[in-house]
Amino acid sequence: MDEAKAKAAEYLDMAQRLQADFDNFRKRTQRENEEFKTFATADLISQILGIVDDLDRALEHAKEEDDFVKGVKGIRQNLMKILESKGLTEIVTNGKFDPNCHDALCAVESDTDGDIAEVFQKGYRIGDRVLRYSKVKVTKKAENPKEKELEKTDKSEGE
């Protein structure tokens, strides 16, 4: 009788482990499917962002706010609403340079170091994943000419 109870407890434990393993498998598969759906459209969204950039450039060069310009703005807004509904968000480019989401194309001297001076191309992400890095110009702290001279004289004295 004790042997049968031990076997039953062993089988119950095995069944519970299998059930937990299957439940974990189901949850992992569901999570992977959701991630796949989110990122499966990333290539298409990336291509559409080129069109959004073209619309932005066209709007920058518009001379007056006529019906045509209003229509182009409306098209851009509708397109962005659709992309945002798919999880697209714009990367913030005001403030400090972040190499995780910004791509520094060049630097300009300034009083501060590491600030974003100009945005050449907006960046976007889907969820936590960067789809396209923001292309920016970064500030670099200007070197003091007196300090430069001191460095040169220190180096020449050392030789």
N, C-alpha and C. Protein backbone atom coordinates (compact mmCIF):
# COMPACT_ATOMS: atom_id res chain seq x y z
N MET A 1 0.82 -1.19 0.00
CA MET A 1 0.00 0.00 0.00
C MET A 1 0.87 1.27 0.00
N ASP A 2 1.93 1.24 0.83
CA ASP A 2 2.83 2.39 0.88
C ASP A 2 3.55 2.58 -0.45
N GLU A 3 3.88 1.45 -1.05
CA GLU A 3 4.55 1.50 -2.35
C GLU A 3 3.64 2.11 -3.41
N ALA A 4 2.38 1.79 -3.38
CA ALA A 4 1.40 2.33 -4.33
C ALA A 4 1.20 3.82 -4.09
N LYS A 5 1.16 4.26 -2.83
CA LYS A 5 1.03 5.69 -2.51
C LYS A 5 2.26 6.46 -3.00
N ALA A 6 3.43 5.88 -2.82
CA ALA A 6 4.66 6.53 -3.28
C ALA A 6 4.66 6.66 -4.80
N LYS A 7 4.23 5.59 -5.50
CA LYS A 7 4.14 5.63 -6.97
C LYS A 7 3.13 6.69 -7.40
N ALA A 8 1.99 6.76 -6.73
CA ALA A 8 0.95 7.75 -7.07
C ALA A 8 1.47 9.16 -6.86
N ALA A 9 2.19 9.39 -5.76
CA ALA A 9 2.76 10.71 -5.49
C ALA A 9 3.80 11.07 -6.54
N GLU A 10 4.58 10.08 -6.95
CA GLU A 10 5.59 10.30 -8.00
C GLU A 10 4.93 10.67 -9.32
N TYR A 11 3.87 9.94 -9.68
CA TYR A 11 3.14 10.24 -10.92
C TYR A 11 2.46 11.60 -10.85
N LEU A 12 1.90 11.94 -9.69
CA LEU A 12 1.26 13.25 -9.52
C LEU A 12 2.29 14.36 -9.69
N ASP A 13 3.46 14.19 -9.08
CA ASP A 13 4.53 15.18 -9.19
C ASP A 13 4.97 15.32 -10.64
N MET A 14 5.11 14.21 -11.34
CA MET A 14 5.50 14.22 -12.75
C MET A 14 4.44 14.94 -13.59
N ALA A 15 3.18 14.67 -13.33
CA ALA A 15 2.10 15.31 -14.08
C ALA A 15 2.07 16.81 -13.82
N GLN A 16 2.31 17.22 -12.57
CA GLN A 16 2.32 18.65 -12.25
C GLN A 16 3.50 19.36 -12.92
N ARG A 17 4.65 18.69 -12.97
CA ARG A 17 5.81 19.28 -13.64
C ARG A 17 5.55 19.42 -15.15
N LEU A 18 4.97 18.40 -15.74
CA LEU A 18 4.64 18.47 -17.17
C LEU A 18 3.64 19.59 -17.44
N GLN A 19 2.66 19.72 -16.57
CA GLN A 19 1.65 20.76 -16.74
C GLN A 19 2.31 22.14 -16.62
N ALA A 20 3.23 22.32 -15.65
CA ALA A 20 3.93 23.60 -15.49
C ALA A 20 4.82 23.87 -16.69
N ASP A 21 5.53 22.84 -17.17
CA ASP A 21 6.37 23.01 -18.36
C ASP A 21 5.55 23.42 -19.58
N PHE A 22 4.39 22.78 -19.75
CA PHE A 22 3.53 23.13 -20.89
C PHE A 22 3.00 24.55 -20.75
N ASP A 23 2.64 24.95 -19.53
CA ASP A 23 2.13 26.30 -19.30
C ASP A 23 3.23 27.33 -19.62
N ASN A 24 4.45 27.07 -19.19
CA ASN A 24 5.58 27.96 -19.50
C ASN A 24 5.83 28.02 -21.00
N PHE A 25 5.74 26.87 -21.67
CA PHE A 25 5.91 26.81 -23.12
C PHE A 25 4.84 27.65 -23.82
N ARG A 26 3.60 27.53 -23.38
CA ARG A 26 2.49 28.27 -23.98
C ARG A 26 2.70 29.77 -23.80
N LYS A 27 3.10 30.20 -22.61
CA LYS A 27 3.32 31.63 -22.34
C LYS A 27 4.49 32.16 -23.17
N ARG A 28 5.58 31.37 -23.25
CA ARG A 28 6.74 31.80 -24.03
C ARG A 28 6.38 31.91 -25.51
N THR A 29 5.65 30.95 -26.03
CA THR A 29 5.23 30.98 -27.43
C THR A 29 4.33 32.18 -27.72
N GLN A 30 3.42 32.46 -26.81
CA GLN A 30 2.53 33.61 -26.98
C GLN A 30 3.34 34.91 -26.99
N ARG A 31 4.31 35.03 -26.07
CA ARG A 31 5.15 36.22 -26.00
C ARG A 31 5.98 36.37 -27.27
N GLU A 32 6.55 35.27 -27.76
CA GLU A 32 7.35 35.31 -28.99
C GLU A 32 6.49 35.69 -30.20
N ASN A 33 5.26 35.20 -30.25
CA ASN A 33 4.36 35.56 -31.35
C ASN A 33 4.03 37.05 -31.33
N GLU A 34 3.80 37.60 -30.14
CA GLU A 34 3.52 39.03 -30.04
C GLU A 34 4.72 39.86 -30.48
N GLU A 35 5.93 39.44 -30.07
CA GLU A 35 7.14 40.13 -30.50
C GLU A 35 7.31 40.03 -32.01
N PHE A 36 7.03 38.86 -32.56
CA PHE A 36 7.15 38.67 -34.00
C PHE A 36 6.20 39.60 -34.75
N LYS A 37 4.96 39.70 -34.28
CA LYS A 37 4.00 40.59 -34.93
C LYS A 37 4.48 42.04 -34.88
N THR A 38 5.03 42.42 -33.74
CA THR A 38 5.48 43.80 -33.57
C THR A 38 6.63 44.12 -34.52
N PHE A 39 7.59 43.21 -34.62
CA PHE A 39 8.79 43.50 -35.39
C PHE A 39 8.73 42.99 -36.82
N ALA A 40 7.70 42.23 -37.17
CA ALA A 40 7.57 41.75 -38.55
C ALA A 40 7.32 42.90 -39.51
N THR A 41 6.66 43.91 -39.03
CA THR A 41 6.35 45.06 -39.88
C THR A 41 7.45 46.12 -39.85
N ALA A 42 8.53 45.88 -39.08
CA ALA A 42 9.58 46.88 -38.92
C ALA A 42 10.21 47.27 -40.26
N ASP A 43 10.42 46.33 -41.15
CA ASP A 43 11.03 46.63 -42.45
C ASP A 43 10.12 47.53 -43.28
N LEU A 44 8.84 47.19 -43.29
CA LEU A 44 7.88 48.01 -44.04
C LEU A 44 7.78 49.42 -43.44
N ILE A 45 7.73 49.49 -42.12
CA ILE A 45 7.65 50.80 -41.46
C ILE A 45 8.90 51.61 -41.76
N SER A 46 10.05 50.97 -41.76
CA SER A 46 11.30 51.65 -42.07
C SER A 46 11.27 52.25 -43.48
N GLN A 47 10.71 51.54 -44.42
CA GLN A 47 10.59 52.06 -45.79
C GLN A 47 9.60 53.22 -45.85
N ILE A 48 8.52 53.12 -45.10
CA ILE A 48 7.52 54.19 -45.09
C ILE A 48 8.10 55.46 -44.46
N LEU A 49 9.04 55.29 -43.51
CA LEU A 49 9.65 56.47 -42.89
C LEU A 49 10.39 57.32 -43.92
N GLY A 50 10.87 56.71 -44.97
CA GLY A 50 11.49 57.48 -46.06
C GLY A 50 10.48 58.42 -46.71
N ILE A 51 9.26 57.96 -46.84
CA ILE A 51 8.19 58.80 -47.41
C ILE A 51 7.86 59.94 -46.44
N VAL A 52 7.82 59.64 -45.14
CA VAL A 52 7.56 60.67 -44.14
C VAL A 52 8.66 61.73 -44.22
N ASP A 53 9.91 61.31 -44.38
CA ASP A 53 11.02 62.26 -44.52
C ASP A 53 10.84 63.14 -45.76
N ASP A 54 10.41 62.54 -46.87
CA ASP A 54 10.16 63.31 -48.09
C ASP A 54 9.06 64.34 -47.88
N LEU A 55 8.00 63.95 -47.19
CA LEU A 55 6.92 64.89 -46.90
C LEU A 55 7.42 66.03 -46.02
N ASP A 56 8.26 65.71 -45.01
CA ASP A 56 8.81 66.76 -44.15
C ASP A 56 9.66 67.74 -44.94
N ARG A 57 10.50 67.20 -45.83
CA ARG A 57 11.34 68.09 -46.65
C ARG A 57 10.47 68.97 -47.55
N ALA A 58 9.42 68.41 -48.10
CA ALA A 58 8.52 69.20 -48.96
C ALA A 58 7.86 70.31 -48.15
N LEU A 59 7.44 69.98 -46.93
CA LEU A 59 6.79 70.99 -46.09
C LEU A 59 7.76 72.07 -45.64
N GLU A 60 9.03 71.73 -45.45
CA GLU A 60 10.03 72.73 -45.07
C GLU A 60 10.21 73.78 -46.16
N HIS A 61 10.05 73.38 -47.41
CA HIS A 61 10.27 74.29 -48.53
C HIS A 61 8.99 74.97 -49.02
N ALA A 62 7.88 74.70 -48.35
CA ALA A 62 6.61 75.35 -48.74
C ALA A 62 6.70 76.83 -48.40
N LYS A 63 6.34 77.65 -49.36
CA LYS A 63 6.45 79.09 -49.18
C LYS A 63 5.24 79.69 -48.48
N GLU A 64 4.08 79.13 -48.74
CA GLU A 64 2.87 79.68 -48.13
C GLU A 64 1.95 78.56 -47.67
N GLU A 65 1.06 78.87 -46.78
CA GLU A 65 0.15 77.89 -46.20
C GLU A 65 -1.15 77.86 -47.03
N ASP A 66 -1.07 77.26 -48.21
CA ASP A 66 -2.27 77.16 -49.04
C ASP A 66 -2.93 75.80 -48.83
N ASP A 67 -3.98 75.53 -49.59
CA ASP A 67 -4.73 74.28 -49.43
C ASP A 67 -3.86 73.05 -49.72
N PHE A 68 -2.96 73.18 -50.68
CA PHE A 68 -2.09 72.05 -51.02
C PHE A 68 -1.19 71.69 -49.84
N VAL A 69 -0.59 72.69 -49.22
CA VAL A 69 0.30 72.46 -48.07
C VAL A 69 -0.50 71.86 -46.91
N LYS A 70 -1.70 72.36 -46.69
CA LYS A 70 -2.56 71.80 -45.64
C LYS A 70 -2.89 70.34 -45.92
N GLY A 71 -3.10 70.02 -47.19
CA GLY A 71 -3.39 68.64 -47.57
C GLY A 71 -2.20 67.72 -47.32
N VAL A 72 -1.01 68.20 -47.67
CA VAL A 72 0.20 67.40 -47.44
C VAL A 72 0.42 67.20 -45.94
N LYS A 73 0.18 68.24 -45.13
CA LYS A 73 0.30 68.10 -43.68
C LYS A 73 -0.70 67.07 -43.14
N GLY A 74 -1.90 67.10 -43.68
CA GLY A 74 -2.93 66.13 -43.26
C GLY A 74 -2.53 64.70 -43.60
N ILE A 75 -1.98 64.52 -44.79
CA ILE A 75 -1.53 63.18 -45.21
C ILE A 75 -0.42 62.70 -44.27
N ARG A 76 0.52 63.58 -43.95
CA ARG A 76 1.62 63.20 -43.05
C ARG A 76 1.08 62.83 -41.67
N GLN A 77 0.14 63.61 -41.15
CA GLN A 77 -0.44 63.32 -39.84
C GLN A 77 -1.16 61.97 -39.84
N ASN A 78 -1.92 61.70 -40.89
CA ASN A 78 -2.62 60.41 -40.97
C ASN A 78 -1.65 59.24 -41.06
N LEU A 79 -0.60 59.42 -41.84
CA LEU A 79 0.41 58.38 -41.97
C LEU A 79 1.09 58.11 -40.62
N MET A 80 1.42 59.18 -39.90
CA MET A 80 2.06 59.02 -38.59
C MET A 80 1.12 58.36 -37.58
N LYS A 81 -0.17 58.66 -37.64
CA LYS A 81 -1.14 58.01 -36.74
C LYS A 81 -1.16 56.50 -36.97
N ILE A 82 -1.12 56.11 -38.23
CA ILE A 82 -1.12 54.68 -38.55
C ILE A 82 0.15 54.02 -38.03
N LEU A 83 1.30 54.68 -38.26
CA LEU A 83 2.57 54.11 -37.81
C LEU A 83 2.63 54.05 -36.28
N GLU A 84 2.12 55.08 -35.62
CA GLU A 84 2.10 55.09 -34.15
C GLU A 84 1.19 54.00 -33.59
N SER A 85 0.12 53.69 -34.32
CA SER A 85 -0.77 52.62 -33.86
C SER A 85 -0.07 51.26 -33.94
N LYS A 86 0.99 51.17 -34.74
CA LYS A 86 1.78 49.94 -34.85
C LYS A 86 2.95 49.93 -33.87
N GLY A 87 3.01 50.94 -32.99
CA GLY A 87 4.03 50.96 -31.94
C GLY A 87 5.21 51.87 -32.21
N LEU A 88 5.16 52.66 -33.27
CA LEU A 88 6.27 53.54 -33.63
C LEU A 88 6.26 54.78 -32.74
N THR A 89 7.42 55.15 -32.20
CA THR A 89 7.56 56.39 -31.44
C THR A 89 8.82 57.11 -31.91
N GLU A 90 8.77 58.43 -31.86
CA GLU A 90 9.91 59.23 -32.27
C GLU A 90 10.91 59.31 -31.12
N ILE A 91 12.19 59.24 -31.45
CA ILE A 91 13.25 59.35 -30.45
C ILE A 91 13.44 60.83 -30.12
N VAL A 92 13.49 61.14 -28.84
CA VAL A 92 13.65 62.51 -28.38
C VAL A 92 15.06 62.99 -28.72
N THR A 93 15.13 64.16 -29.34
CA THR A 93 16.44 64.69 -29.75
C THR A 93 16.73 66.05 -29.14
N ASN A 94 16.01 66.43 -28.13
CA ASN A 94 16.35 67.67 -27.44
C ASN A 94 17.05 67.29 -26.14
N GLY A 95 18.22 67.84 -25.93
CA GLY A 95 18.96 67.51 -24.72
C GLY A 95 20.30 66.91 -25.04
N LYS A 96 20.68 65.90 -24.27
CA LYS A 96 22.00 65.29 -24.36
C LYS A 96 22.06 64.19 -25.41
N PHE A 97 23.24 64.01 -25.96
CA PHE A 97 23.52 62.96 -26.93
C PHE A 97 23.52 61.61 -26.22
N ASP A 98 22.82 60.63 -26.78
CA ASP A 98 22.77 59.27 -26.25
C ASP A 98 23.17 58.32 -27.37
N PRO A 99 24.33 57.67 -27.26
CA PRO A 99 24.79 56.80 -28.35
C PRO A 99 23.90 55.59 -28.57
N ASN A 100 23.01 55.30 -27.62
CA ASN A 100 22.09 54.17 -27.78
C ASN A 100 20.96 54.47 -28.76
N CYS A 101 20.71 55.75 -29.04
CA CYS A 101 19.62 56.08 -29.95
C CYS A 101 19.95 57.23 -30.91
N HIS A 102 21.14 57.82 -30.78
CA HIS A 102 21.56 58.90 -31.67
C HIS A 102 22.83 58.50 -32.40
N ASP A 103 22.95 58.98 -33.63
CA ASP A 103 24.13 58.75 -34.44
C ASP A 103 24.75 60.12 -34.72
N ALA A 104 25.93 60.38 -34.14
CA ALA A 104 26.60 61.68 -34.31
C ALA A 104 27.32 61.71 -35.65
N LEU A 105 26.89 62.61 -36.51
CA LEU A 105 27.52 62.74 -37.82
C LEU A 105 28.69 63.72 -37.79
N CYS A 106 28.58 64.75 -36.94
CA CYS A 106 29.65 65.73 -36.82
C CYS A 106 29.54 66.45 -35.48
N ALA A 107 30.55 67.26 -35.18
CA ALA A 107 30.57 67.99 -33.92
C ALA A 107 30.82 69.46 -34.21
N VAL A 108 30.31 70.30 -33.31
CA VAL A 108 30.51 71.73 -33.41
C VAL A 108 30.95 72.23 -32.04
N GLU A 109 31.88 73.19 -32.02
CA GLU A 109 32.37 73.70 -30.75
C GLU A 109 31.31 74.56 -30.08
N SER A 110 31.25 74.44 -28.74
CA SER A 110 30.25 75.16 -27.97
C SER A 110 30.75 75.29 -26.53
N ASP A 111 29.94 75.93 -25.69
CA ASP A 111 30.28 76.08 -24.28
C ASP A 111 30.03 74.79 -23.52
N THR A 112 29.15 73.95 -24.03
CA THR A 112 28.81 72.70 -23.36
C THR A 112 29.33 71.52 -24.17
N ASP A 113 29.30 70.36 -23.55
CA ASP A 113 29.81 69.16 -24.19
C ASP A 113 28.71 68.10 -24.23
N GLY A 114 28.46 67.53 -25.41
CA GLY A 114 27.52 66.41 -25.53
C GLY A 114 26.07 66.78 -25.74
N ASP A 115 25.78 68.03 -26.02
CA ASP A 115 24.40 68.43 -26.34
C ASP A 115 24.14 68.23 -27.83
N ILE A 116 22.88 68.09 -28.17
CA ILE A 116 22.50 67.97 -29.58
C ILE A 116 22.28 69.37 -30.13
N ALA A 117 23.07 69.73 -31.15
CA ALA A 117 23.00 71.06 -31.74
C ALA A 117 22.00 71.12 -32.89
N GLU A 118 21.94 70.05 -33.67
CA GLU A 118 21.06 70.04 -34.85
C GLU A 118 20.67 68.60 -35.16
N VAL A 119 19.45 68.44 -35.67
CA VAL A 119 18.96 67.12 -36.06
C VAL A 119 18.89 67.08 -37.59
N PHE A 120 19.62 66.14 -38.18
CA PHE A 120 19.61 65.98 -39.63
C PHE A 120 18.49 65.04 -40.07
N GLN A 121 18.24 64.00 -39.27
CA GLN A 121 17.19 63.04 -39.59
C GLN A 121 16.61 62.49 -38.28
N LYS A 122 15.28 62.50 -38.19
CA LYS A 122 14.63 62.00 -36.99
C LYS A 122 14.83 60.50 -36.85
N GLY A 123 14.89 60.06 -35.61
CA GLY A 123 15.02 58.64 -35.32
C GLY A 123 13.73 58.10 -34.74
N TYR A 124 13.53 56.80 -34.88
CA TYR A 124 12.30 56.17 -34.41
C TYR A 124 12.61 54.82 -33.78
N ARG A 125 11.72 54.40 -32.91
CA ARG A 125 11.83 53.09 -32.30
C ARG A 125 10.46 52.42 -32.26
N ILE A 126 10.49 51.10 -32.21
CA ILE A 126 9.29 50.31 -32.00
C ILE A 126 9.48 49.60 -30.68
N GLY A 127 8.67 49.96 -29.71
CA GLY A 127 8.86 49.41 -28.37
C GLY A 127 10.19 49.90 -27.83
N ASP A 128 11.03 48.99 -27.37
CA ASP A 128 12.35 49.35 -26.86
C ASP A 128 13.43 49.24 -27.92
N ARG A 129 13.07 48.76 -29.09
CA ARG A 129 14.05 48.52 -30.16
C ARG A 129 14.14 49.73 -31.08
N VAL A 130 15.38 50.18 -31.32
CA VAL A 130 15.60 51.32 -32.21
C VAL A 130 15.45 50.84 -33.65
N LEU A 131 14.54 51.48 -34.36
CA LEU A 131 14.31 51.15 -35.76
C LEU A 131 15.26 51.95 -36.66
N ARG A 132 15.41 53.25 -36.32
CA ARG A 132 16.32 54.12 -37.07
C ARG A 132 16.90 55.14 -36.09
N TYR A 133 18.22 55.23 -36.05
CA TYR A 133 18.89 56.16 -35.16
C TYR A 133 18.71 57.59 -35.65
N SER A 134 18.60 58.53 -34.71
CA SER A 134 18.55 59.94 -35.06
C SER A 134 19.93 60.38 -35.50
N LYS A 135 20.01 61.05 -36.63
CA LYS A 135 21.29 61.56 -37.13
C LYS A 135 21.40 63.01 -36.68
N VAL A 136 22.43 63.29 -35.86
CA VAL A 136 22.52 64.59 -35.19
C VAL A 136 23.92 65.18 -35.28
N LYS A 137 23.97 66.50 -35.01
CA LYS A 137 25.22 67.22 -34.83
C LYS A 137 25.35 67.45 -33.33
N VAL A 138 26.52 67.14 -32.78
CA VAL A 138 26.74 67.19 -31.33
C VAL A 138 27.68 68.33 -30.98
N THR A 139 27.46 68.94 -29.81
CA THR A 139 28.34 70.01 -29.36
C THR A 139 29.56 69.41 -28.68
N LYS A 140 30.67 70.12 -28.85
CA LYS A 140 31.93 69.72 -28.22
C LYS A 140 32.46 70.96 -27.52
N LYS A 141 32.84 70.79 -26.27
CA LYS A 141 33.31 71.94 -25.50
C LYS A 141 34.57 72.51 -26.16
N ALA A 142 34.54 73.83 -26.39
CA ALA A 142 35.67 74.50 -27.04
C ALA A 142 36.86 74.49 -26.10
N GLU A 143 38.02 74.17 -26.65
CA GLU A 143 39.23 74.17 -25.85
C GLU A 143 39.69 75.60 -25.65
N ASN A 144 40.14 75.88 -24.45
CA ASN A 144 40.64 77.20 -24.12
C ASN A 144 42.01 77.39 -24.76
N PRO A 145 42.22 78.45 -25.55
CA PRO A 145 43.51 78.65 -26.24
C PRO A 145 44.68 78.75 -25.26
N LYS A 146 44.46 79.33 -24.07
CA LYS A 146 45.54 79.45 -23.09
C LYS A 146 45.96 78.06 -22.60
N GLU A 147 44.98 77.19 -22.37
CA GLU A 147 45.29 75.84 -21.93
C GLU A 147 46.05 75.09 -23.01
N LYS A 148 45.71 75.32 -24.27
CA LYS A 148 46.40 74.69 -25.39
C LYS A 148 47.87 75.11 -25.41
N GLU A 149 48.11 76.42 -25.21
CA GLU A 149 49.47 76.93 -25.20
C GLU A 149 50.27 76.32 -24.06
N LEU A 150 49.65 76.20 -22.88
CA LEU A 150 50.33 75.60 -21.74
C LEU A 150 50.70 74.14 -22.03
N GLU A 151 49.79 73.41 -22.68
CA GLU A 151 50.06 72.02 -23.04
C GLU A 151 51.24 71.94 -24.01
N LYS A 152 51.29 72.85 -24.98
CA LYS A 152 52.38 72.85 -25.96
C LYS A 152 53.70 73.16 -25.28
N THR A 153 53.72 74.15 -24.37
CA THR A 153 54.97 74.51 -23.70
C THR A 153 55.41 73.38 -22.77
N ASP A 154 54.47 72.72 -22.10
CA ASP A 154 54.82 71.60 -21.23
C ASP A 154 55.44 70.48 -22.03
N LYS A 155 54.91 70.20 -23.20
CA LYS A 155 55.44 69.13 -24.05
C LYS A 155 56.81 69.49 -24.57
N SER A 156 57.03 70.76 -24.96
CA SER A 156 58.32 71.15 -25.51
C SER A 156 59.39 71.19 -24.42
N GLU A 157 59.01 71.52 -23.18
CA GLU A 157 59.96 71.52 -22.07
C GLU A 157 60.38 70.11 -21.70
N GLY A 158 59.48 69.18 -21.85
CA GLY A 158 59.76 67.78 -21.52
C GLY A 158 60.69 67.13 -22.49
N GLU A 159 60.88 67.67 -23.65
CA GLU A 159 61.73 67.05 -24.68
C GLU A 159 63.15 67.38 -24.53
